[in-house]
């Protein structure tokens, strides 16, 4: 089932992983800017978040969604 936006993922009621990872990147960047985490930790966590995006994109392409 596709929602009004044309994406079937949104029809299930939750935020997509891509939206969550974008938000997570924003929070991560804010923490780095405030000095709460160092460059190494920022880069490590950014790679983890990027991996979530790749996993989601891969799954979406297999199902033909998004």
N, C-alpha and C. Protein backbone atom coordinates (compact mmCIF):
# COMPACT_ATOMS: atom_id res chain seq x y z
N UNK A 1 0.84 -1.17 0.00
CA UNK A 1 0.00 0.00 0.00
C UNK A 1 0.89 1.24 0.00
N UNK A 2 0.58 2.20 -0.87
CA UNK A 2 1.35 3.43 -0.92
C UNK A 2 0.57 4.55 -0.25
N UNK A 3 1.31 5.41 0.44
CA UNK A 3 0.69 6.56 1.11
C UNK A 3 0.53 7.70 0.12
N UNK A 4 0.03 8.83 0.60
CA UNK A 4 -0.16 9.98 -0.27
C UNK A 4 1.17 10.46 -0.84
N UNK A 5 2.26 10.26 -0.12
CA UNK A 5 3.57 10.70 -0.62
C UNK A 5 4.11 9.76 -1.68
N UNK A 6 3.43 8.62 -1.91
CA UNK A 6 3.85 7.69 -2.93
C UNK A 6 4.80 6.62 -2.42
N UNK A 7 5.08 6.62 -1.15
CA UNK A 7 6.00 5.64 -0.59
C UNK A 7 5.24 4.67 0.30
N UNK A 8 5.42 3.39 0.03
CA UNK A 8 4.70 2.39 0.80
C UNK A 8 5.21 2.29 2.24
N UNK A 9 6.45 2.69 2.51
CA UNK A 9 7.01 2.59 3.86
C UNK A 9 6.25 3.48 4.84
N UNK A 10 5.80 4.63 4.39
CA UNK A 10 5.11 5.56 5.28
C UNK A 10 3.72 5.06 5.66
N UNK A 11 3.19 4.18 4.87
CA UNK A 11 1.85 3.66 5.13
C UNK A 11 1.80 2.83 6.40
N UNK A 12 2.95 2.39 6.87
CA UNK A 12 2.99 1.56 8.06
C UNK A 12 3.01 2.38 9.34
N UNK A 13 3.02 3.71 9.24
CA UNK A 13 2.85 4.57 10.39
C UNK A 13 4.11 5.03 11.08
N UNK A 14 5.27 4.44 10.85
CA UNK A 14 6.49 4.85 11.52
C UNK A 14 7.37 5.68 10.62
N UNK A 15 8.34 6.34 11.26
CA UNK A 15 9.31 7.09 10.48
C UNK A 15 10.25 6.10 9.82
N UNK A 16 10.70 6.44 8.63
CA UNK A 16 11.62 5.54 7.95
C UNK A 16 12.99 5.60 8.60
N UNK A 17 13.78 4.59 8.39
CA UNK A 17 15.14 4.55 8.95
C UNK A 17 15.98 5.68 8.38
N UNK A 18 15.72 6.06 7.14
CA UNK A 18 16.47 7.15 6.53
C UNK A 18 16.20 8.45 7.28
N UNK A 19 14.95 8.71 7.62
CA UNK A 19 14.63 9.91 8.40
C UNK A 19 15.29 9.86 9.76
N UNK A 20 15.28 8.72 10.38
CA UNK A 20 15.89 8.57 11.70
C UNK A 20 17.40 8.78 11.60
N UNK A 21 18.03 8.22 10.58
CA UNK A 21 19.47 8.39 10.46
C UNK A 21 19.84 9.83 10.14
N UNK A 22 19.01 10.54 9.39
CA UNK A 22 19.26 11.95 9.13
C UNK A 22 19.19 12.75 10.43
N UNK A 23 18.21 12.44 11.24
CA UNK A 23 18.08 13.08 12.54
C UNK A 23 19.27 12.73 13.43
N UNK A 24 19.68 11.47 13.39
CA UNK A 24 20.82 11.03 14.19
C UNK A 24 22.10 11.76 13.76
N UNK A 25 22.28 11.96 12.47
CA UNK A 25 23.45 12.70 11.99
C UNK A 25 23.43 14.13 12.48
N UNK A 26 22.26 14.73 12.49
CA UNK A 26 22.14 16.10 12.99
C UNK A 26 22.51 16.20 14.46
N UNK A 27 22.00 15.27 15.25
CA UNK A 27 22.31 15.25 16.68
C UNK A 27 23.80 15.01 16.89
N UNK A 28 24.36 14.08 16.12
CA UNK A 28 25.78 13.78 16.22
C UNK A 28 26.62 15.02 15.90
N UNK A 29 26.26 15.73 14.84
CA UNK A 29 26.99 16.94 14.46
C UNK A 29 26.89 18.00 15.55
N UNK A 30 25.72 18.13 16.16
CA UNK A 30 25.55 19.09 17.26
C UNK A 30 26.45 18.74 18.44
N UNK A 31 26.50 17.46 18.79
CA UNK A 31 27.34 17.02 19.90
C UNK A 31 28.81 17.29 19.62
N UNK A 32 29.23 17.07 18.39
CA UNK A 32 30.61 17.34 18.00
C UNK A 32 30.89 18.84 18.08
N UNK A 33 29.97 19.64 17.59
CA UNK A 33 30.14 21.09 17.60
C UNK A 33 30.22 21.65 19.03
N UNK A 34 29.49 21.03 19.94
CA UNK A 34 29.52 21.47 21.34
C UNK A 34 30.73 20.93 22.10
N UNK A 35 31.50 20.06 21.47
CA UNK A 35 32.67 19.50 22.12
C UNK A 35 32.38 18.33 23.03
N UNK A 36 31.18 17.77 22.93
CA UNK A 36 30.80 16.64 23.77
C UNK A 36 31.51 15.36 23.32
N UNK A 37 31.82 15.26 22.03
CA UNK A 37 32.54 14.10 21.51
C UNK A 37 33.70 14.60 20.66
N UNK A 38 34.74 13.79 20.56
CA UNK A 38 35.90 14.19 19.76
C UNK A 38 35.72 13.73 18.30
N UNK A 39 36.69 14.12 17.47
CA UNK A 39 36.62 13.83 16.04
C UNK A 39 36.56 12.33 15.77
N UNK A 40 37.36 11.56 16.49
CA UNK A 40 37.38 10.11 16.26
C UNK A 40 36.02 9.48 16.57
N UNK A 41 35.42 9.88 17.67
CA UNK A 41 34.10 9.33 18.03
C UNK A 41 33.05 9.79 17.04
N UNK A 42 33.13 11.05 16.60
CA UNK A 42 32.19 11.56 15.60
C UNK A 42 32.26 10.73 14.33
N UNK A 43 33.49 10.49 13.83
CA UNK A 43 33.66 9.75 12.59
C UNK A 43 33.20 8.31 12.73
N UNK A 44 33.48 7.70 13.87
CA UNK A 44 33.07 6.32 14.10
C UNK A 44 31.55 6.19 14.08
N UNK A 45 30.88 7.08 14.80
CA UNK A 45 29.42 7.02 14.88
C UNK A 45 28.78 7.40 13.54
N UNK A 46 29.41 8.31 12.83
CA UNK A 46 28.89 8.70 11.51
C UNK A 46 28.92 7.51 10.55
N UNK A 47 29.98 6.72 10.62
CA UNK A 47 30.07 5.53 9.77
C UNK A 47 28.99 4.51 10.13
N UNK A 48 28.71 4.37 11.40
CA UNK A 48 27.66 3.45 11.84
C UNK A 48 26.31 3.91 11.28
N UNK A 49 26.04 5.19 11.38
CA UNK A 49 24.77 5.73 10.89
C UNK A 49 24.70 5.58 9.37
N UNK A 50 25.80 5.82 8.68
CA UNK A 50 25.83 5.65 7.22
C UNK A 50 25.54 4.19 6.86
N UNK A 51 26.01 3.26 7.66
CA UNK A 51 25.73 1.85 7.43
C UNK A 51 24.26 1.55 7.54
N UNK A 52 23.57 2.23 8.45
CA UNK A 52 22.12 2.05 8.58
C UNK A 52 21.42 2.51 7.31
N UNK A 53 21.87 3.61 6.75
CA UNK A 53 21.28 4.12 5.52
C UNK A 53 21.47 3.13 4.38
N UNK A 54 22.70 2.60 4.26
CA UNK A 54 22.99 1.66 3.19
C UNK A 54 22.13 0.41 3.32
N UNK A 55 21.97 -0.07 4.55
CA UNK A 55 21.14 -1.25 4.80
C UNK A 55 19.70 -0.98 4.39
N UNK A 56 19.20 0.19 4.75
CA UNK A 56 17.83 0.56 4.42
C UNK A 56 17.64 0.71 2.92
N UNK A 57 18.59 1.39 2.27
CA UNK A 57 18.49 1.57 0.82
C UNK A 57 18.54 0.23 0.11
N UNK A 58 19.39 -0.65 0.57
CA UNK A 58 19.51 -1.99 -0.02
C UNK A 58 18.21 -2.76 0.13
N UNK A 59 17.62 -2.74 1.31
CA UNK A 59 16.36 -3.44 1.56
C UNK A 59 15.24 -2.84 0.72
N UNK A 60 15.21 -1.54 0.60
CA UNK A 60 14.16 -0.88 -0.18
C UNK A 60 14.27 -1.25 -1.65
N UNK A 61 15.49 -1.33 -2.16
CA UNK A 61 15.63 -1.68 -3.57
C UNK A 61 15.21 -3.13 -3.84
N UNK A 62 15.41 -4.01 -2.85
CA UNK A 62 14.99 -5.42 -3.03
C UNK A 62 13.46 -5.52 -3.03
N UNK A 63 12.79 -4.66 -2.27
CA UNK A 63 11.34 -4.75 -2.18
C UNK A 63 10.66 -3.84 -3.20
N UNK A 64 11.47 -3.01 -3.89
CA UNK A 64 10.91 -2.10 -4.86
C UNK A 64 10.26 -0.89 -4.22
N UNK A 65 10.62 -0.59 -3.00
CA UNK A 65 10.02 0.52 -2.28
C UNK A 65 11.04 1.63 -2.09
N UNK A 66 10.55 2.85 -2.08
CA UNK A 66 11.34 4.05 -1.79
C UNK A 66 12.52 4.15 -2.71
